[in-house]
Every structure is written in structure tokens, then in C-alpha cells.
Amino acid sequence: MEDVERPSSVPLSASPSEESYSEMSTSSAAGQAPNFVLKMPPQIYTKVNENIQMKCVFSGQPLPAVTWEKDGNLVDLNRYIIVLLERISVLRMCWYTITNTSSELRQMIAN
């Protein structure tokens, strides 16, 4: 079974620092390969302490598993809320505080 990755990235801008958002899917020879049906807009702007909500719609058979990462680590569920509704994954960052360093958010789907 061979896996294929299709990454795509989108910047998430917030003054004074920037973050980027990327997506990755992994497919297998069996069933329907995971695919992002609705992707993030090219840029998102936010203010300090403003709520951010990122949503992706995906497809695949069997239903893909979804994970969100920040800087290469799974998102901290004590700080962020992840809602999964069938083929929609939403990451909510409530009262998001901007840091002086840039970081990367990534959503991955695999079946």
C-alpha cells in the first residue's frame, strides 16, 4: 500500500506576527483517497484576543481520521476546541493571543 501526500499551505496573518496554515492528506490504494473539498481562504486577519475559527470540509472512503497540529505537535485541547461533524472539522481558537514568533497550524486527514 502506497501513501501519497498532497500538502498545501495558506498564511494566517495577525499583527504583529504571522502564522501559517497548511493541509496534508494521505491516501491509500484502497477506497477513495482523502481530499480537502473546502479549503481555507488565502489569508485570515485577526486582532489580539479575538476568536478564530478554521474549517475544512473533506471526503474519503473509509471516512478519514482528522488531526490538527501546531508547530509539529498535536493541538492542546486545553487551549483549543476541535469540533468534528461527519466530514467537517473545525478548529476554534478562543481569545487567541498573538505571540512574537511565527508558528504553523496544520490539518491532516488519512484513511
PDB file of N, CA and C in Angstrom:
ATOM      1  N   MET A   1       0.847  -1.172   0.000  1.00  0.00           N
ATOM      2  CA  MET A   1       0.000   0.000   0.000  1.00  0.00           C
ATOM      3  C   MET A   1       0.894   1.236   0.000  1.00  0.00           C
ATOM      4  N   GLU A   2       0.670   2.138  -0.953  1.00  0.00           N
ATOM      5  CA  GLU A   2       1.496   3.320  -1.102  1.00  0.00           C
ATOM      6  C   GLU A   2       0.737   4.560  -0.660  1.00  0.00           C
ATOM      7  N   ASP A   3       1.371   5.387   0.162  1.00  0.00           N
ATOM      8  CA  ASP A   3       0.755   6.628   0.627  1.00  0.00           C
ATOM      9  C   ASP A   3       1.194   7.777  -0.265  1.00  0.00           C
ATOM     10  N   VAL A   4       0.291   8.701  -0.523  1.00  0.00           N
ATOM     11  CA  VAL A   4       0.578   9.878  -1.329  1.00  0.00           C
ATOM     12  C   VAL A   4       0.196  11.097  -0.512  1.00  0.00           C
ATOM     13  N   GLU A   5       1.086  12.078  -0.435  1.00  0.00           N
ATOM     14  CA  GLU A   5       0.809  13.295   0.322  1.00  0.00           C
ATOM     15  C   GLU A   5       0.580  14.443  -0.643  1.00  0.00           C
ATOM     16  N   ARG A   6      -0.425  15.276  -0.357  1.00  0.00           N
ATOM     17  CA  ARG A   6      -0.732  16.452  -1.149  1.00  0.00           C
ATOM     18  C   ARG A   6      -0.804  17.667  -0.233  1.00  0.00           C
ATOM     19  N   PRO A   7       0.350  18.275   0.117  1.00  0.00           N
ATOM     20  CA  PRO A   7       0.300  19.422   1.027  1.00  0.00           C
ATOM     21  C   PRO A   7      -0.063  20.718   0.307  1.00  0.00           C
ATOM     22  N   SER A   8      -0.633  21.630   1.055  1.00  0.00           N
ATOM     23  CA  SER A   8      -0.991  22.948   0.552  1.00  0.00           C
ATOM     24  C   SER A   8      -0.959  23.892   1.743  1.00  0.00           C
ATOM     25  N   SER A   9      -0.426  25.090   1.582  1.00  0.00           N
ATOM     26  CA  SER A   9      -0.349  25.972   2.744  1.00  0.00           C
ATOM     27  C   SER A   9      -0.994  27.317   2.463  1.00  0.00           C
ATOM     28  N   VAL A  10      -1.497  27.919   3.531  1.00  0.00           N
ATOM     29  CA  VAL A  10      -2.180  29.207   3.482  1.00  0.00           C
ATOM     30  C   VAL A  10      -1.718  30.014   4.684  1.00  0.00           C
ATOM     31  N   PRO A  11      -1.291  31.280   4.512  1.00  0.00           N
ATOM     32  CA  PRO A  11      -0.864  32.069   5.667  1.00  0.00           C
ATOM     33  C   PRO A  11      -2.036  32.560   6.506  1.00  0.00           C
ATOM     34  N   LEU A  12      -1.820  32.594   7.797  1.00  0.00           N
ATOM     35  CA  LEU A  12      -2.781  33.180   8.740  1.00  0.00           C
ATOM     36  C   LEU A  12      -2.079  34.387   9.329  1.00  0.00           C
ATOM     37  N   SER A  13      -2.483  35.573   8.952  1.00  0.00           N
ATOM     38  CA  SER A  13      -1.790  36.789   9.366  1.00  0.00           C
ATOM     39  C   SER A  13      -2.490  37.451  10.533  1.00  0.00           C
ATOM     40  N   ALA A  14      -1.686  37.861  11.479  1.00  0.00           N
ATOM     41  CA  ALA A  14      -2.212  38.578  12.632  1.00  0.00           C
ATOM     42  C   ALA A  14      -1.138  39.534  13.098  1.00  0.00           C
ATOM     43  N   SER A  15      -1.459  40.787  13.149  1.00  0.00           N
ATOM     44  CA  SER A  15      -0.481  41.773  13.567  1.00  0.00           C
ATOM     45  C   SER A  15      -0.215  41.627  15.065  1.00  0.00           C
ATOM     46  N   PRO A  16       1.007  41.624  15.573  1.00  0.00           N
ATOM     47  CA  PRO A  16       2.237  41.909  14.869  1.00  0.00           C
ATOM     48  C   PRO A  16       2.961  40.691  14.304  1.00  0.00           C
ATOM     49  N   SER A  17       2.499  39.475  14.513  1.00  0.00           N
ATOM     50  CA  SER A  17       3.210  38.312  13.997  1.00  0.00           C
ATOM     51  C   SER A  17       2.372  37.594  12.957  1.00  0.00           C
ATOM     52  N   GLU A  18       2.981  36.612  12.314  1.00  0.00           N
ATOM     53  CA  GLU A  18       2.266  35.849  11.304  1.00  0.00           C
ATOM     54  C   GLU A  18       2.260  34.383  11.679  1.00  0.00           C
ATOM     55  N   GLU A  19       1.222  33.683  11.282  1.00  0.00           N
ATOM     56  CA  GLU A  19       1.163  32.236  11.401  1.00  0.00           C
ATOM     57  C   GLU A  19       0.816  31.705  10.034  1.00  0.00           C
ATOM     58  N   SER A  20       1.136  30.470   9.778  1.00  0.00           N
ATOM     59  CA  SER A  20       0.728  29.880   8.513  1.00  0.00           C
ATOM     60  C   SER A  20      -0.096  28.645   8.779  1.00  0.00           C
ATOM     61  N   TYR A  21      -0.937  28.313   7.836  1.00  0.00           N
ATOM     62  CA  TYR A  21      -1.838  27.171   7.946  1.00  0.00           C
ATOM     63  C   TYR A  21      -1.539  26.251   6.778  1.00  0.00           C
ATOM     64  N   SER A  22      -1.361  24.986   7.023  1.00  0.00           N
ATOM     65  CA  SER A  22      -1.143  24.059   5.923  1.00  0.00           C
ATOM     66  C   SER A  22      -2.004  22.835   6.094  1.00  0.00           C
ATOM     67  N   GLU A  23      -2.253  22.173   4.992  1.00  0.00           N
ATOM     68  CA  GLU A  23      -3.089  20.984   4.980  1.00  0.00           C
ATOM     69  C   GLU A  23      -2.294  19.843   4.379  1.00  0.00           C
ATOM     70  N   MET A  24      -2.552  18.635   4.827  1.00  0.00           N
ATOM     71  CA  MET A  24      -1.900  17.486   4.246  1.00  0.00           C
ATOM     72  C   MET A  24      -2.881  16.330   4.249  1.00  0.00           C
ATOM     73  N   SER A  25      -2.924  15.581   3.167  1.00  0.00           N
ATOM     74  CA  SER A  25      -3.760  14.389   3.123  1.00  0.00           C
ATOM     75  C   SER A  25      -2.912  13.205   2.711  1.00  0.00           C
ATOM     76  N   THR A  26      -3.257  12.046   3.203  1.00  0.00           N
ATOM     77  CA  THR A  26      -2.564  10.817   2.870  1.00  0.00           C
ATOM     78  C   THR A  26      -3.579   9.850   2.311  1.00  0.00           C
ATOM     79  N   SER A  27      -3.248   9.233   1.188  1.00  0.00           N
ATOM     80  CA  SER A  27      -4.200   8.313   0.577  1.00  0.00           C
ATOM     81  C   SER A  27      -3.619   6.917   0.467  1.00  0.00           C
ATOM     82  N   SER A  28      -4.494   5.949   0.308  1.00  0.00           N
ATOM     83  CA  SER A  28      -4.073   4.570   0.127  1.00  0.00           C
ATOM     84  C   SER A  28      -4.703   4.022  -1.144  1.00  0.00           C
ATOM     85  N   ALA A  29      -4.250   2.857  -1.568  1.00  0.00           N
ATOM     86  CA  ALA A  29      -4.763   2.238  -2.788  1.00  0.00           C
ATOM     87  C   ALA A  29      -6.193   1.748  -2.608  1.00  0.00           C
ATOM     88  N   ALA A  30      -6.633   1.527  -1.382  1.00  0.00           N
ATOM     89  CA  ALA A  30      -7.983   1.014  -1.118  1.00  0.00           C
ATOM     90  C   ALA A  30      -8.956   2.163  -0.886  1.00  0.00           C
ATOM     91  N   GLY A  31     -10.186   2.040  -1.381  1.00  0.00           N
ATOM     92  CA  GLY A  31     -11.220   3.047  -1.131  1.00  0.00           C
ATOM     93  C   GLY A  31     -10.967   4.328  -1.893  1.00  0.00           C
ATOM     94  N   GLN A  32     -11.547   5.427  -1.397  1.00  0.00           N
ATOM     95  CA  GLN A  32     -11.392   6.748  -2.011  1.00  0.00           C
ATOM     96  C   GLN A  32     -10.368   7.540  -1.216  1.00  0.00           C
ATOM     97  N   ALA A  33      -9.391   8.095  -1.908  1.00  0.00           N
ATOM     98  CA  ALA A  33      -8.339   8.863  -1.248  1.00  0.00           C
ATOM     99  C   ALA A  33      -8.930  10.068  -0.525  1.00  0.00           C
ATOM    100  N   PRO A  34      -8.372  10.426   0.636  1.00  0.00           N
ATOM    101  CA  PRO A  34      -8.831  11.631   1.334  1.00  0.00           C
ATOM    102  C   PRO A  34      -8.601  12.861   0.462  1.00  0.00           C
ATOM    103  N   ASN A  35      -9.513  13.800   0.541  1.00  0.00           N
ATOM    104  CA  ASN A  35      -9.415  15.002  -0.266  1.00  0.00           C
ATOM    105  C   ASN A  35     -10.043  16.165   0.497  1.00  0.00           C
ATOM    106  N   PHE A  36      -9.400  17.334   0.435  1.00  0.00           N
ATOM    107  CA  PHE A  36      -9.982  18.538   1.017  1.00  0.00           C
ATOM    108  C   PHE A  36     -10.972  19.111   0.009  1.00  0.00           C
ATOM    109  N   VAL A  37     -12.261  19.135   0.353  1.00  0.00           N
ATOM    110  CA  VAL A  37     -13.318  19.629  -0.523  1.00  0.00           C
ATOM    111  C   VAL A  37     -13.410  21.147  -0.426  1.00  0.00           C
ATOM    112  N   LEU A  38     -13.315  21.689   0.785  1.00  0.00           N
ATOM    113  CA  LEU A  38     -13.355  23.130   1.027  1.00  0.00           C
ATOM    114  C   LEU A  38     -12.098  23.500   1.797  1.00  0.00           C
ATOM    115  N   LYS A  39     -11.285  24.364   1.204  1.00  0.00           N
ATOM    116  CA  LYS A  39     -10.033  24.762   1.844  1.00  0.00           C
ATOM    117  C   LYS A  39     -10.171  26.143   2.472  1.00  0.00           C
ATOM    118  N   MET A  40      -9.183  26.483   3.260  1.00  0.00           N
ATOM    119  CA  MET A  40      -9.164  27.778   3.933  1.00  0.00           C
ATOM    120  C   MET A  40      -8.983  28.900   2.913  1.00  0.00           C
ATOM    121  N   PRO A  41      -9.455  30.111   3.235  1.00  0.00           N
ATOM    122  CA  PRO A  41      -9.200  31.260   2.359  1.00  0.00           C
ATOM    123  C   PRO A  41      -7.701  31.567   2.345  1.00  0.00           C
ATOM    124  N   PRO A  42      -7.240  32.322   1.333  1.00  0.00           N
ATOM    125  CA  PRO A  42      -5.799  32.590   1.217  1.00  0.00           C
ATOM    126  C   PRO A  42      -5.183  33.250   2.450  1.00  0.00           C
ATOM    127  N   GLN A  43      -5.895  34.162   3.113  1.00  0.00           N
ATOM    128  CA  GLN A  43      -5.377  34.792   4.326  1.00  0.00           C
ATOM    129  C   GLN A  43      -6.510  35.059   5.295  1.00  0.00           C
ATOM    130  N   ILE A  44      -6.151  35.019   6.574  1.00  0.00           N
ATOM    131  CA  ILE A  44      -7.092  35.345   7.643  1.00  0.00           C
ATOM    132  C   ILE A  44      -6.423  36.393   8.515  1.00  0.00           C
ATOM    133  N   TYR A  45      -7.123  37.476   8.800  1.00  0.00           N
ATOM    134  CA  TYR A  45      -6.600  38.521   9.678  1.00  0.00           C
ATOM    135  C   TYR A  45      -7.378  38.500  10.983  1.00  0.00           C
ATOM    136  N   THR A  46      -6.669  38.742  12.070  1.00  0.00           N
ATOM    137  CA  THR A  46      -7.320  38.736  13.377  1.00  0.00           C
ATOM    138  C   THR A  46      -6.695  39.790  14.277  1.00  0.00           C
ATOM    139  N   LYS A  47      -7.404  40.136  15.321  1.00  0.00           N
ATOM    140  CA  LYS A  47      -6.902  41.048  16.342  1.00  0.00           C
ATOM    141  C   LYS A  47      -6.530  40.238  17.572  1.00  0.00           C
ATOM    142  N   VAL A  48      -5.723  40.833  18.427  1.00  0.00           N
ATOM    143  CA  VAL A  48      -5.353  40.182  19.679  1.00  0.00           C
ATOM    144  C   VAL A  48      -6.614  39.891  20.479  1.00  0.00           C
ATOM    145  N   ASN A  49      -6.667  38.719  21.090  1.00  0.00           N
ATOM    146  CA  ASN A  49      -7.785  38.253  21.915  1.00  0.00           C
ATOM    147  C   ASN A  49      -9.094  38.079  21.138  1.00  0.00           C
ATOM    148  N   GLU A  50      -9.012  37.924  19.838  1.00  0.00           N
ATOM    149  CA  GLU A  50     -10.193  37.675  19.018  1.00  0.00           C
ATOM    150  C   GLU A  50     -10.314  36.168  18.771  1.00  0.00           C
ATOM    151  N   ASN A  51     -11.543  35.676  18.704  1.00  0.00           N
ATOM    152  CA  ASN A  51     -11.766  34.263  18.411  1.00  0.00           C
ATOM    153  C   ASN A  51     -11.469  33.977  16.944  1.00  0.00           C
ATOM    154  N   ILE A  52     -10.830  32.839  16.690  1.00  0.00           N
ATOM    155  CA  ILE A  52     -10.532  32.395  15.334  1.00  0.00           C
ATOM    156  C   ILE A  52     -11.187  31.038  15.148  1.00  0.00           C
ATOM    157  N   GLN A  53     -11.806  30.839  14.008  1.00  0.00           N
ATOM    158  CA  GLN A  53     -12.394  29.538  13.700  1.00  0.00           C
ATOM    159  C   GLN A  53     -11.948  29.136  12.302  1.00  0.00           C
ATOM    160  N   MET A  54     -11.320  27.975  12.190  1.00  0.00           N
ATOM    161  CA  MET A  54     -10.877  27.458  10.905  1.00  0.00           C
ATOM    162  C   MET A  54     -11.649  26.192  10.595  1.00  0.00           C
ATOM    163  N   LYS A  55     -12.157  26.102   9.363  1.00  0.00           N
ATOM    164  CA  LYS A  55     -12.997  24.966   8.995  1.00  0.00           C
ATOM    165  C   LYS A  55     -12.505  24.362   7.691  1.00  0.00           C
ATOM    166  N   CYS A  56     -12.470  23.032   7.650  1.00  0.00           N
ATOM    167  CA  CYS A  56     -12.170  22.319   6.415  1.00  0.00           C
ATOM    168  C   CYS A  56     -13.199  21.224   6.215  1.00  0.00           C
ATOM    169  N   VAL A  57     -13.629  21.069   4.965  1.00  0.00           N
ATOM    170  CA  VAL A  57     -14.545  20.003   4.588  1.00  0.00           C
ATOM    171  C   VAL A  57     -13.726  19.012   3.774  1.00  0.00           C
ATOM    172  N   PHE A  58     -13.897  17.736   4.069  1.00  0.00           N
ATOM    173  CA  PHE A  58     -13.081  16.718   3.409  1.00  0.00           C
ATOM    174  C   PHE A  58     -13.935  15.530   3.006  1.00  0.00           C
ATOM    175  N   SER A  59     -13.367  14.690   2.145  1.00  0.00           N
ATOM    176  CA  SER A  59     -14.047  13.470   1.721  1.00  0.00           C
ATOM    177  C   SER A  59     -13.053  12.322   1.751  1.00  0.00           C
ATOM    178  N   GLY A  60     -13.546  11.110   1.619  1.00  0.00           N
ATOM    179  CA  GLY A  60     -12.705   9.916   1.583  1.00  0.00           C
ATOM    180  C   GLY A  60     -13.485   8.709   2.049  1.00  0.00           C
ATOM    181  N   GLN A  61     -13.084   7.547   1.584  1.00  0.00           N
ATOM    182  CA  GLN A  61     -13.737   6.303   1.974  1.00  0.00           C
ATOM    183  C   GLN A  61     -12.663   5.260   2.225  1.00  0.00           C
ATOM    184  N   PRO A  62     -12.567   4.710   3.423  1.00  0.00           N
ATOM    185  CA  PRO A  62     -13.411   4.983   4.589  1.00  0.00           C
ATOM    186  C   PRO A  62     -13.208   6.414   5.091  1.00  0.00           C
ATOM    187  N   LEU A  63     -14.104   6.856   5.959  1.00  0.00           N
ATOM    188  CA  LEU A  63     -14.051   8.215   6.487  1.00  0.00           C
ATOM    189  C   LEU A  63     -12.675   8.485   7.086  1.00  0.00           C
ATOM    190  N   PRO A  64     -11.982   9.509   6.608  1.00  0.00           N
ATOM    191  CA  PRO A  64     -10.638   9.795   7.105  1.00  0.00           C
ATOM    192  C   PRO A  64     -10.618  10.232   8.571  1.00  0.00           C
ATOM    193  N   ALA A  65      -9.518   9.924   9.231  1.00  0.00           N
ATOM    194  CA  ALA A  65      -9.252  10.447  10.572  1.00  0.00           C
ATOM    195  C   ALA A  65      -8.644  11.838  10.394  1.00  0.00           C
ATOM    196  N   VAL A  66      -8.980  12.756  11.296  1.00  0.00           N
ATOM    197  CA  VAL A  66      -8.534  14.143  11.190  1.00  0.00           C
ATOM    198  C   VAL A  66      -7.674  14.500  12.392  1.00  0.00           C
ATOM    199  N   THR A  67      -6.551  15.148  12.157  1.00  0.00           N
ATOM    200  CA  THR A  67      -5.727  15.665  13.250  1.00  0.00           C
ATOM    201  C   THR A  67      -5.325  17.105  12.929  1.00  0.00           C
ATOM    202  N   TRP A  68      -5.189  17.905  13.970  1.00  0.00           N
ATOM    203  CA  TRP A  68      -4.695  19.278  13.860  1.00  0.00           C
ATOM    204  C   TRP A  68      -3.379  19.349  14.621  1.00  0.00           C
ATOM    205  N   GLU A  69      -2.397  20.011  14.033  1.00  0.00           N
ATOM    206  CA  GLU A  69      -1.104  20.205  14.685  1.00  0.00           C
ATOM    207  C   GLU A  69      -0.753  21.685  14.695  1.00  0.00           C
ATOM    208  N   LYS A  70      -0.016  22.070  15.734  1.00  0.00           N
ATOM    209  CA  LYS A  70       0.557  23.415  15.806  1.00  0.00           C
ATOM    210  C   LYS A  70       2.038  23.236  16.074  1.00  0.00           C
ATOM    211  N   ASP A  71       2.856  23.754  15.191  1.00  0.00           N
ATOM    212  CA  ASP A  71       4.313  23.636  15.286  1.00  0.00           C
ATOM    213  C   ASP A  71       4.760  22.185  15.414  1.00  0.00           C
ATOM    214  N   GLY A  72       4.119  21.281  14.679  1.00  0.00           N
ATOM    215  CA  GLY A  72       4.524  19.882  14.663  1.00  0.00           C
ATOM    216  C   GLY A  72       4.003  19.040  15.809  1.00  0.00           C
ATOM    217  N   ASN A  73       3.230  19.630  16.713  1.00  0.00           N
ATOM    218  CA  ASN A  73       2.652  18.900  17.845  1.00  0.00           C
ATOM    219  C   ASN A  73       1.132  18.942  17.755  1.00  0.00           C
ATOM    220  N   LEU A  74       0.478  17.886  18.240  1.00  0.00           N
ATOM    221  CA  LEU A  74      -0.982  17.903  18.276  1.00  0.00           C
ATOM    222  C   LEU A  74      -1.449  19.121  19.058  1.00  0.00           C
ATOM    223  N   VAL A  75      -2.539  19.745  18.611  1.00  0.00           N
ATOM    224  CA  VAL A  75      -3.022  20.940  19.309  1.00  0.00           C
ATOM    225  C   VAL A  75      -3.408  20.591  20.738  1.00  0.00           C
ATOM    226  N   ASP A  76      -3.210  21.529  21.616  1.00  0.00           N
ATOM    227  CA  ASP A  76      -3.508  21.368  23.036  1.00  0.00           C
ATOM    228  C   ASP A  76      -5.010  21.545  23.243  1.00  0.00           C
ATOM    229  N   LEU A  77      -5.690  20.467  23.589  1.00  0.00           N
ATOM    230  CA  LEU A  77      -7.145  20.521  23.762  1.00  0.00           C
ATOM    231  C   LEU A  77      -7.560  21.321  24.990  1.00  0.00           C
ATOM    232  N   ASN A  78      -6.599  21.722  25.827  1.00  0.00           N
ATOM    233  CA  ASN A  78      -6.897  22.624  26.939  1.00  0.00           C
ATOM    234  C   ASN A  78      -6.945  24.075  26.463  1.00  0.00           C
ATOM    235  N   ARG A  79      -6.369  24.340  25.279  1.00  0.00           N
ATOM    236  CA  ARG A  79      -6.332  25.702  24.741  1.00  0.00           C
ATOM    237  C   ARG A  79      -7.231  25.896  23.530  1.00  0.00           C
ATOM    238  N   TYR A  80      -7.463  24.825  22.779  1.00  0.00           N
ATOM    239  CA  TYR A  80      -8.226  24.912  21.534  1.00  0.00           C
ATOM    240  C   TYR A  80      -9.385  23.929  21.560  1.00  0.00           C
ATOM    241  N   ILE A  81     -10.396  24.208  20.768  1.00  0.00           N
ATOM    242  CA  ILE A  81     -11.565  23.333  20.669  1.00  0.00           C
ATOM    243  C   ILE A  81     -11.611  22.778  19.253  1.00  0.00           C
ATOM    244  N   ILE A  82     -11.760  21.465  19.138  1.00  0.00           N
ATOM    245  CA  ILE A  82     -11.915  20.825  17.833  1.00  0.00           C
ATOM    246  C   ILE A  82     -13.305  20.217  17.774  1.00  0.00           C
ATOM    247  N   VAL A  83     -14.039  20.572  16.736  1.00  0.00           N
ATOM    248  CA  VAL A  83     -15.378  20.030  16.524  1.00  0.00           C
ATOM    249  C   VAL A  83     -15.336  19.234  15.225  1.00  0.00           C
ATOM    250  N   LEU A  84     -15.803  17.996  15.274  1.00  0.00           N
ATOM    251  CA  LEU A  84     -15.843  17.149  14.090  1.00  0.00           C
ATOM    252  C   LEU A  84     -17.281  16.733  13.837  1.00  0.00           C
ATOM    253  N   LEU A  85     -17.818  17.151  12.708  1.00  0.00           N
ATOM    254  CA  LEU A  85     -19.188  16.823  12.318  1.00  0.00           C
ATOM    255  C   LEU A  85     -19.146  16.112  10.972  1.00  0.00           C
ATOM    256  N   GLU A  86     -19.223  14.814  10.993  1.00  0.00           N
ATOM    257  CA  GLU A  86     -19.192  13.966   9.806  1.00  0.00           C
ATOM    258  C   GLU A  86     -17.975  14.271   8.952  1.00  0.00           C
ATOM    259  N   ARG A  87     -18.081  15.095   7.935  1.00  0.00           N
ATOM    260  CA  ARG A  87     -16.954  15.381   7.036  1.00  0.00           C
ATOM    261  C   ARG A  87     -16.492  16.839   7.135  1.00  0.00           C
ATOM    262  N   ILE A  88     -16.696  17.440   8.300  1.00  0.00           N
ATOM    263  CA  ILE A  88     -16.274  18.817   8.554  1.00  0.00           C
ATOM    264  C   ILE A  88     -15.475  18.840   9.849  1.00  0.00           C
ATOM    265  N   SER A  89     -14.315  19.465   9.806  1.00  0.00           N
ATOM    266  CA  SER A  89     -13.507  19.632  11.009  1.00  0.00           C
ATOM    267  C   SER A  89     -13.330  21.126  11.256  1.00  0.00           C
ATOM    268  N   VAL A  90     -13.588  21.551  12.488  1.00  0.00           N
ATOM    269  CA  VAL A  90     -13.481  22.961  12.855  1.00  0.00           C
ATOM    270  C   VAL A  90     -12.516  23.081  14.027  1.00  0.00           C
ATOM    271  N   LEU A  91     -11.536  23.966  13.892  1.00  0.00           N
ATOM    272  CA  LEU A  91     -10.619  24.283  14.985  1.00  0.00           C
ATOM    273  C   LEU A  91     -10.996  25.664  15.484  1.00  0.00           C
ATOM    274  N   ARG A  92     -11.343  25.765  16.770  1.00  0.00           N
ATOM    275  CA  ARG A  92     -11.706  27.051  17.375  1.00  0.00           C
ATOM    276  C   ARG A  92     -10.599  27.470  18.332  1.00  0.00           C
ATOM    277  N   MET A  93     -10.111  28.668  18.115  1.00  0.00           N
ATOM    278  CA  MET A  93      -9.085  29.237  18.980  1.00  0.00           C
ATOM    279  C   MET A  93      -9.729  30.440  19.650  1.00  0.00           C
ATOM    280  N   CYS A  94     -10.194  30.268  20.871  1.00  0.00           N
ATOM    281  CA  CYS A  94     -10.919  31.315  21.586  1.00  0.00           C
ATOM    282  C   CYS A  94      -9.954  32.251  22.295  1.00  0.00           C
ATOM    283  N   TRP A  95     -10.223  33.526  22.176  1.00  0.00           N
ATOM    284  CA  TRP A  95      -9.396  34.559  22.803  1.00  0.00           C
ATOM    285  C   TRP A  95      -7.930  34.331  22.471  1.00  0.00           C
ATOM    286  N   TYR A  96      -7.665  34.161  21.201  1.00  0.00           N
ATOM    287  CA  TYR A  96      -6.325  33.853  20.709  1.00  0.00           C
ATOM    288  C   TYR A  96      -5.377  35.001  21.008  1.00  0.00           C
ATOM    289  N   THR A  97      -4.250  34.695  21.608  1.00  0.00           N
ATOM    290  CA  THR A  97      -3.237  35.690  21.939  1.00  0.00           C
ATOM    291  C   THR A  97      -2.085  35.570  20.961  1.00  0.00           C
ATOM    292  N   ILE A  98      -1.744  36.668  20.322  1.00  0.00           N
ATOM    293  CA  ILE A  98      -0.656  36.683  19.359  1.00  0.00           C
ATOM    294  C   ILE A  98       0.675  36.630  20.100  1.00  0.00           C
ATOM    295  N   THR A  99       1.591  35.833  19.576  1.00  0.00           N
ATOM    296  CA  THR A  99       2.940  35.780  20.136  1.00  0.00           C
ATOM    297  C   THR A  99       3.891  36.466  19.170  1.00  0.00           C
ATOM    298  N   ASN A 100       5.106  36.714  19.604  1.00  0.00           N
ATOM    299  CA  ASN A 100       6.087  37.382  18.758  1.00  0.00           C
ATOM    300  C   ASN A 100       6.773  36.436  17.786  1.00  0.00           C
ATOM    301  N   THR A 101       6.502  35.160  17.877  1.00  0.00           N
ATOM    302  CA  THR A 101       7.116  34.207  16.961  1.00  0.00           C
ATOM    303  C   THR A 101       6.073  33.688  15.988  1.00  0.00           C
ATOM    304  N   SER A 102       6.531  33.274  14.832  1.00  0.00           N
ATOM    305  CA  SER A 102       5.592  32.695  13.870  1.00  0.00           C
ATOM    306  C   SER A 102       5.462  31.204  14.145  1.00  0.00           C
ATOM    307  N   SER A 103       4.333  30.645  13.810  1.00  0.00           N
ATOM    308  CA  SER A 103       4.101  29.221  14.007  1.00  0.00           C
ATOM    309  C   SER A 103       3.258  28.700  12.858  1.00  0.00           C
ATOM    310  N   GLU A 104       3.084  27.390  12.812  1.00  0.00           N
ATOM    311  CA  GLU A 104       2.350  26.773  11.720  1.00  0.00           C
ATOM    312  C   GLU A 104       1.237  25.891  12.256  1.00  0.00           C
ATOM    313  N   LEU A 105       0.052  26.060  11.697  1.00  0.00           N
ATOM    314  CA  LEU A 105      -1.078  25.190  12.005  1.00  0.00           C
ATOM    315  C   LEU A 105      -1.278  24.265  10.820  1.00  0.00           C
ATOM    316  N   ARG A 106      -1.539  22.993  11.094  1.00  0.00           N
ATOM    317  CA  ARG A 106      -1.692  22.013  10.029  1.00  0.00           C
ATOM    318  C   ARG A 106      -2.853  21.085  10.338  1.00  0.00           C
ATOM    319  N   GLN A 107      -3.668  20.829   9.335  1.00  0.00           N
ATOM    320  CA  GLN A 107      -4.724  19.827   9.457  1.00  0.00           C
ATOM    321  C   GLN A 107      -4.344  18.679   8.543  1.00  0.00           C
ATOM    322  N   MET A 108      -4.422  17.463   9.073  1.00  0.00           N
ATOM    323  CA  MET A 108      -4.092  16.290   8.278  1.00  0.00           C
ATOM    324  C   MET A 108      -5.261  15.320   8.285  1.00  0.00           C
ATOM    325  N   ILE A 109      -5.502  14.691   7.138  1.00  0.00           N
ATOM    326  CA  ILE A 109      -6.525  13.656   7.039  1.00  0.00           C
ATOM    327  C   ILE A 109      -5.883  12.419   6.431  1.00  0.00           C
ATOM    328  N   ALA A 110      -6.279  11.263   6.918  1.00  0.00           N
ATOM    329  CA  ALA A 110      -5.745   9.997   6.401  1.00  0.00           C
ATOM    330  C   ALA A 110      -6.774   8.903   6.599  1.00  0.00           C
ATOM    331  N   ASN A 111      -6.820   7.967   5.652  1.00  0.00           N
ATOM    332  CA  ASN A 111      -7.681   6.796   5.836  1.00  0.00           C
ATOM    333  C   ASN A 111      -6.907   5.535   5.560  1.00  0.00           C
TER     334      ASN A 111
END
